[in-house]
Protein backbone atom coordinates (compact mmCIF):
# COMPACT_ATOMS: atom_id res chain seq x y z
CA UNK A 1 5.91 -12.25 9.91
CA UNK A 2 3.71 -10.18 12.63
CA UNK A 3 5.61 -7.11 11.48
CA UNK A 4 5.13 -8.18 7.69
CA UNK A 5 1.38 -8.65 8.31
CA UNK A 6 1.03 -5.10 9.92
CA UNK A 7 2.88 -3.46 7.10
CA UNK A 8 0.44 -5.12 4.69
CA UNK A 9 -2.62 -4.45 6.52
CA UNK A 10 -1.21 -0.78 6.92
CA UNK A 11 -0.78 -0.43 3.08
CA UNK A 12 -4.00 -1.84 2.17
CA UNK A 13 -5.84 0.54 4.63
CA UNK A 14 -3.84 3.49 3.25
CA UNK A 15 -4.52 2.67 -0.50
CA UNK A 16 -8.21 2.12 0.28
CA UNK A 17 -8.45 5.55 1.72
CA UNK A 18 -6.22 7.14 -1.22
CA UNK A 19 -7.88 5.48 -3.88
CA UNK A 20 -11.36 6.30 -2.29
CA UNK A 21 -10.35 10.21 -1.94
CA UNK A 22 -9.15 10.43 -5.34
CA UNK A 23 -12.35 9.07 -7.09
CA UNK A 24 -14.43 11.37 -4.99
CA UNK A 25 -12.08 14.02 -6.13
CA UNK A 26 -12.40 13.15 -9.61
CA UNK A 27 -16.20 13.02 -9.69
CA UNK A 28 -16.15 16.59 -8.39
CA UNK A 29 -19.68 15.84 -7.27
CA UNK A 30 -21.26 16.58 -3.91
CA UNK A 31 -21.45 13.77 -1.30
CA UNK A 32 -25.10 13.06 -1.93
CA UNK A 33 -24.91 12.38 -5.56
CA UNK A 34 -22.07 9.96 -5.60
CA UNK A 35 -22.07 6.57 -7.07
CA UNK A 36 -21.20 4.79 -3.42
CA UNK A 37 -21.11 1.28 -5.03
CA UNK A 38 -18.92 2.23 -8.05
CA UNK A 39 -16.56 4.29 -5.44
CA UNK A 40 -16.34 1.85 -2.80
CA UNK A 41 -16.04 -1.35 -5.60
CA UNK A 42 -13.16 0.60 -7.24
CA UNK A 43 -11.35 1.44 -3.88
CA UNK A 44 -11.68 -2.11 -2.63
CA UNK A 45 -10.25 -3.50 -6.15
CA UNK A 46 -7.12 -1.32 -5.53
CA UNK A 47 -7.04 -2.79 -1.96
CA UNK A 48 -6.94 -6.14 -3.09
CA UNK A 49 -4.22 -5.21 -5.57
CA UNK A 50 -2.33 -3.87 -3.02
CA UNK A 51 -2.48 -6.91 -0.87
CA UNK A 52 -1.56 -9.22 -3.81
CA UNK A 53 1.46 -6.88 -4.20
CA UNK A 54 2.58 -7.33 -0.60
CA UNK A 55 1.98 -11.13 -0.74
CA UNK A 56 4.32 -11.30 -3.78
CA UNK A 57 7.02 -9.36 -2.02
CA UNK A 58 7.20 -12.00 0.65
CA UNK A 59 10.31 -13.65 0.61
CA UNK A 60 12.29 -11.29 -1.43
CA UNK A 61 13.84 -9.44 1.46
CA UNK A 62 16.59 -10.70 3.81
CA UNK A 63 14.38 -10.48 7.16
CA UNK A 64 10.65 -10.84 5.43
CA UNK A 65 9.76 -7.96 8.14
CA UNK A 66 8.04 -5.61 5.62
CA UNK A 67 5.93 -5.68 2.74
CA UNK A 68 8.16 -4.01 0.59
CA UNK A 69 10.12 -5.35 -2.55
CA UNK A 70 12.99 -3.59 -1.57
CA UNK A 71 14.72 -4.12 2.06
CA UNK A 72 14.41 -0.85 3.67
CA UNK A 73 15.62 -2.11 6.93
CA UNK A 74 19.01 -2.35 6.13
CA UNK A 75 20.78 -0.01 8.84
CA UNK A 76 22.77 3.25 7.50
CA UNK A 77 25.89 1.87 8.71
CA UNK A 78 25.62 -0.88 6.06
CA UNK A 79 24.65 1.01 3.12
CA UNK A 80 27.59 1.95 0.94
CA UNK A 81 27.57 5.88 0.20
CA UNK A 82 29.49 6.43 -3.05
CA UNK A 83 29.05 10.37 -2.62
CA UNK A 84 31.99 10.34 -0.33
């Protein structure tokens, strides 16, 4: 569960940073004239959605060790390779 929470927090921080950068880039204004309330609230909303998405994936993977909907922790030796 600890790994899940760390993964979820990491995803939320990345989502916040990415959405804030996107909002600032789209606005194409100088840093002084940015509507910070709007930019931060939009980034916060994206972060909440990220957290809810991570929480909704809890229990969907076999080991519940990551905040992803798909189980990406399967070792390569267990993955079937159709290209051989």
